[in-house]
C-alpha cells in the first residue's frame, strides 16, 4: 500500500500541468490582493497572506516550466538559481498559508472569547 502524496506534491503536480498564462494570472491576482489590502486595510496585513500564497504558487509554477524546458541550453547560473528561487517561493507560500490559517483562527477565537 502506497502513501498518498503530500499537499506540496499535489500542488506541484497541479502547477506543472497549469498553463503559463494561468500561472501568471494567479501571480497577478495575488499581487492585486496584497496591494488592495495595503491600500484599503493597512492595519490588517494578515488579510494579504492568501494573496502572497497565490502569487507564490504562480511563481513556482512558472519557474518550474522554465526549468523543465531545454535545461541544457541554460547557463549554470540559471540552472542553480531557479531551484533556489523555487525553494524561496515554496517557503514564502507555505509561511503565508500557515500565517493566514493562524490569523483566521485567532480572529475566530478572539470573537468567541470576547
C-alpha atoms as a PDB file:
ATOM      1  CA  UNK A   1       0.000   0.000   0.000  1.00  0.00           C
ATOM      2  CA  UNK A   2       1.443   3.353  -1.016  1.00  0.00           C
ATOM      3  CA  UNK A   3       1.076   6.570   0.850  1.00  0.00           C
ATOM      4  CA  UNK A   4      -0.854   9.364  -0.856  1.00  0.00           C
ATOM      5  CA  UNK A   5       1.264  12.331  -1.944  1.00  0.00           C
ATOM      6  CA  UNK A   6       1.560  15.252   0.444  1.00  0.00           C
ATOM      7  CA  UNK A   7      -0.074  18.609  -0.087  1.00  0.00           C
ATOM      8  CA  UNK A   8       3.061  20.208  -1.537  1.00  0.00           C
ATOM      9  CA  UNK A   9       3.467  17.337  -4.014  1.00  0.00           C
ATOM     10  CA  UNK A  10      -0.161  17.703  -5.094  1.00  0.00           C
ATOM     11  CA  UNK A  11       0.261  21.467  -5.557  1.00  0.00           C
ATOM     12  CA  UNK A  12       3.490  20.919  -7.505  1.00  0.00           C
ATOM     13  CA  UNK A  13       1.718  18.485  -9.813  1.00  0.00           C
ATOM     14  CA  UNK A  14      -1.101  20.946 -10.325  1.00  0.00           C
ATOM     15  CA  UNK A  15       1.334  23.765 -11.103  1.00  0.00           C
ATOM     16  CA  UNK A  16       3.181  21.581 -13.618  1.00  0.00           C
ATOM     17  CA  UNK A  17       0.022  20.975 -15.659  1.00  0.00           C
ATOM     18  CA  UNK A  18      -1.327  24.521 -15.402  1.00  0.00           C
ATOM     19  CA  UNK A  19      -0.570  26.648 -18.481  1.00  0.00           C
ATOM     20  CA  UNK A  20       1.775  29.615 -18.067  1.00  0.00           C
ATOM     21  CA  UNK A  21      -0.898  32.263 -18.767  1.00  0.00           C
ATOM     22  CA  UNK A  22      -2.969  30.896 -15.892  1.00  0.00           C
ATOM     23  CA  UNK A  23       0.029  30.883 -13.565  1.00  0.00           C
ATOM     24  CA  UNK A  24       0.888  34.465 -14.487  1.00  0.00           C
ATOM     25  CA  UNK A  25      -2.764  35.370 -13.923  1.00  0.00           C
ATOM     26  CA  UNK A  26      -2.640  33.805 -10.449  1.00  0.00           C
ATOM     27  CA  UNK A  27       0.519  35.760  -9.680  1.00  0.00           C
ATOM     28  CA  UNK A  28      -1.193  38.963 -10.782  1.00  0.00           C
ATOM     29  CA  UNK A  29      -4.360  38.302  -8.800  1.00  0.00           C
ATOM     30  CA  UNK A  30      -2.302  37.539  -5.705  1.00  0.00           C
ATOM     31  CA  UNK A  31      -0.334  40.757  -6.145  1.00  0.00           C
ATOM     32  CA  UNK A  32      -3.560  42.747  -6.592  1.00  0.00           C
ATOM     33  CA  UNK A  33      -4.925  41.228  -3.365  1.00  0.00           C
ATOM     34  CA  UNK A  34      -1.772  42.220  -1.485  1.00  0.00           C
ATOM     35  CA  UNK A  35      -1.819  45.758  -2.892  1.00  0.00           C
ATOM     36  CA  UNK A  36      -5.537  46.157  -2.172  1.00  0.00           C
ATOM     37  CA  UNK A  37      -5.043  45.120   1.446  1.00  0.00           C
ATOM     38  CA  UNK A  38      -2.096  47.504   1.824  1.00  0.00           C
ATOM     39  CA  UNK A  39      -4.108  50.394   0.372  1.00  0.00           C
ATOM     40  CA  UNK A  40      -7.554  49.794   1.883  1.00  0.00           C
ATOM     41  CA  UNK A  41      -6.898  47.872   5.104  1.00  0.00           C
ATOM     42  CA  UNK A  42      -3.328  48.737   6.147  1.00  0.00           C
ATOM     43  CA  UNK A  43      -3.975  47.867   9.805  1.00  0.00           C
ATOM     44  CA  UNK A  44      -4.729  44.198   8.928  1.00  0.00           C
ATOM     45  CA  UNK A  45      -1.761  42.908   6.929  1.00  0.00           C
ATOM     46  CA  UNK A  46      -2.729  39.295   7.681  1.00  0.00           C
ATOM     47  CA  UNK A  47      -5.524  39.673   5.132  1.00  0.00           C
ATOM     48  CA  UNK A  48      -2.858  39.858   2.418  1.00  0.00           C
ATOM     49  CA  UNK A  49      -1.384  36.436   3.227  1.00  0.00           C
ATOM     50  CA  UNK A  50      -3.692  34.434   0.904  1.00  0.00           C
ATOM     51  CA  UNK A  51      -2.635  36.750  -1.921  1.00  0.00           C
ATOM     52  CA  UNK A  52       1.020  36.087  -1.133  1.00  0.00           C
ATOM     53  CA  UNK A  53       0.376  32.330  -1.184  1.00  0.00           C
ATOM     54  CA  UNK A  54      -1.442  32.583  -4.516  1.00  0.00           C
ATOM     55  CA  UNK A  55       1.388  34.586  -6.047  1.00  0.00           C
ATOM     56  CA  UNK A  56       3.995  32.137  -4.794  1.00  0.00           C
ATOM     57  CA  UNK A  57       2.094  29.241  -6.371  1.00  0.00           C
ATOM     58  CA  UNK A  58       2.118  31.033  -9.721  1.00  0.00           C
ATOM     59  CA  UNK A  59       5.788  31.989  -9.426  1.00  0.00           C
ATOM     60  CA  UNK A  60       6.809  28.438  -8.538  1.00  0.00           C
ATOM     61  CA  UNK A  61       4.852  27.058 -11.476  1.00  0.00           C
ATOM     62  CA  UNK A  62       6.363  29.454 -13.999  1.00  0.00           C
ATOM     63  CA  UNK A  63       9.856  28.755 -12.656  1.00  0.00           C
ATOM     64  CA  UNK A  64       9.177  25.016 -12.930  1.00  0.00           C
ATOM     65  CA  UNK A  65       8.054  25.392 -16.550  1.00  0.00           C
ATOM     66  CA  UNK A  66      11.203  27.397 -17.343  1.00  0.00           C
ATOM     67  CA  UNK A  67      13.370  24.834 -15.573  1.00  0.00           C
ATOM     68  CA  UNK A  68      11.832  21.910 -17.474  1.00  0.00           C
ATOM     69  CA  UNK A  69      12.104  23.419 -20.956  1.00  0.00           C
ATOM     70  CA  UNK A  70      15.508  22.949 -22.633  1.00  0.00           C
ATOM     71  CA  UNK A  71      17.597  22.656 -19.443  1.00  0.00           C
ATOM     72  CA  UNK A  72      20.788  22.049 -21.436  1.00  0.00           C
ATOM     73  CA  UNK A  73      20.599  25.411 -23.191  1.00  0.00           C
ATOM     74  CA  UNK A  74      20.823  27.401 -19.954  1.00  0.00           C
ATOM     75  CA  UNK A  75      23.871  28.703 -18.188  1.00  0.00           C
ATOM     76  CA  UNK A  76      24.999  27.031 -14.996  1.00  0.00           C
ATOM     77  CA  UNK A  77      23.999  30.115 -13.001  1.00  0.00           C
ATOM     78  CA  UNK A  78      20.387  29.829 -14.181  1.00  0.00           C
ATOM     79  CA  UNK A  79      20.312  26.082 -13.527  1.00  0.00           C
ATOM     80  CA  UNK A  80      21.451  26.759  -9.951  1.00  0.00           C
ATOM     81  CA  UNK A  81      19.342  29.885  -9.371  1.00  0.00           C
ATOM     82  CA  UNK A  82      15.953  28.503 -10.486  1.00  0.00           C
ATOM     83  CA  UNK A  83      15.736  25.726  -7.873  1.00  0.00           C
ATOM     84  CA  UNK A  84      16.825  28.193  -5.175  1.00  0.00           C
ATOM     85  CA  UNK A  85      14.167  30.635  -6.352  1.00  0.00           C
ATOM     86  CA  UNK A  86      11.610  27.836  -6.256  1.00  0.00           C
ATOM     87  CA  UNK A  87      12.664  26.935  -2.728  1.00  0.00           C
ATOM     88  CA  UNK A  88      12.165  30.546  -1.641  1.00  0.00           C
ATOM     89  CA  UNK A  89       8.737  30.582  -3.291  1.00  0.00           C
ATOM     90  CA  UNK A  90       7.758  27.362  -1.501  1.00  0.00           C
ATOM     91  CA  UNK A  91       8.945  28.681   1.868  1.00  0.00           C
ATOM     92  CA  UNK A  92       7.222  32.057   1.406  1.00  0.00           C
ATOM     93  CA  UNK A  93       3.989  30.444   0.173  1.00  0.00           C
ATOM     94  CA  UNK A  94       3.939  27.902   2.993  1.00  0.00           C
ATOM     95  CA  UNK A  95       4.581  30.565   5.625  1.00  0.00           C
ATOM     96  CA  UNK A  96       1.829  32.699   4.092  1.00  0.00           C
ATOM     97  CA  UNK A  97      -0.680  29.841   4.272  1.00  0.00           C
ATOM     98  CA  UNK A  98       0.296  28.957   7.838  1.00  0.00           C
ATOM     99  CA  UNK A  99       0.112  32.626   8.817  1.00  0.00           C
ATOM    100  CA  UNK A 100      -3.296  33.042   7.182  1.00  0.00           C
ATOM    101  CA  UNK A 101      -4.696  29.990   8.967  1.00  0.00           C
ATOM    102  CA  UNK A 102      -3.220  31.153  12.267  1.00  0.00           C
ATOM    103  CA  UNK A 103      -4.615  34.683  11.777  1.00  0.00           C
ATOM    104  CA  UNK A 104      -8.060  33.341  10.857  1.00  0.00           C
ATOM    105  CA  UNK A 105      -8.081  31.065  13.905  1.00  0.00           C
ATOM    106  CA  UNK A 106      -7.011  33.975  16.087  1.00  0.00           C
ATOM    107  CA  UNK A 107      -9.795  36.164  14.754  1.00  0.00           C
ATOM    108  CA  UNK A 108     -12.382  33.425  15.250  1.00  0.00           C
ATOM    109  CA  UNK A 109     -11.196  32.534  18.737  1.00  0.00           C
ATOM    110  CA  UNK A 110     -10.955  36.196  19.658  1.00  0.00           C
ATOM    111  CA  UNK A 111     -14.572  36.634  18.587  1.00  0.00           C
ATOM    112  CA  UNK A 112     -15.736  33.692  20.696  1.00  0.00           C
ATOM    113  CA  UNK A 113     -13.681  34.557  23.780  1.00  0.00           C
ATOM    114  CA  UNK A 114     -14.731  38.209  23.786  1.00  0.00           C
END
